[in-house]
């Protein structure tokens, strides 16, 4: 077509430019498909983003527990702040941060304080702070650990991944829900 095999510089430049434009167009099209169609993964669990969704979750879960004659749940306000993430391997993520829990002096008087992270390896937990006022106590911990996650690299570099950190109350036998 361009007879680039003859070694004429202008024809080589034209062939190189045409190939570059074709490849860049292909990459752009793949990125466009990936961003518009998205690669949405199903979420494990319930996503609570505001007080309304929290209230709806509490009502539906309490109703479900009453329907199965299970003990009524105790809701414990809990929050997490992930400070650092480091990809230590293809499926191994080192994370550190803070976790806090807010204990009501009357509602949570029979609960022990603390949490577990069942999926963490080499977990280190240390007390960070304790704040008390009239009716509540907020307890915070610093944590560091290694979390193994299944990460799918098939769609790299236009992929997105979610870090899942499972948190539970240290009293596993009770119906305690961290919210």
Foldseek 3Di string as FASTA:
>chain_A
DLPCVVPDVVSVVVVVVVVVVVVVVVVVVLLVCCVVVHDDDDDDDDDDDDPVSVVVVLVVVQVVCVVVVHDGEQEKEKDWDWDDWDPPDPFKIKTKTKMKIKDFCPSCVPADDDKDFVQWDPKDKDWDDWDDDDGMIMTMIIIITMGGHDDDCPPPPSHDDDDDTDMGGPPVVGRYHHD
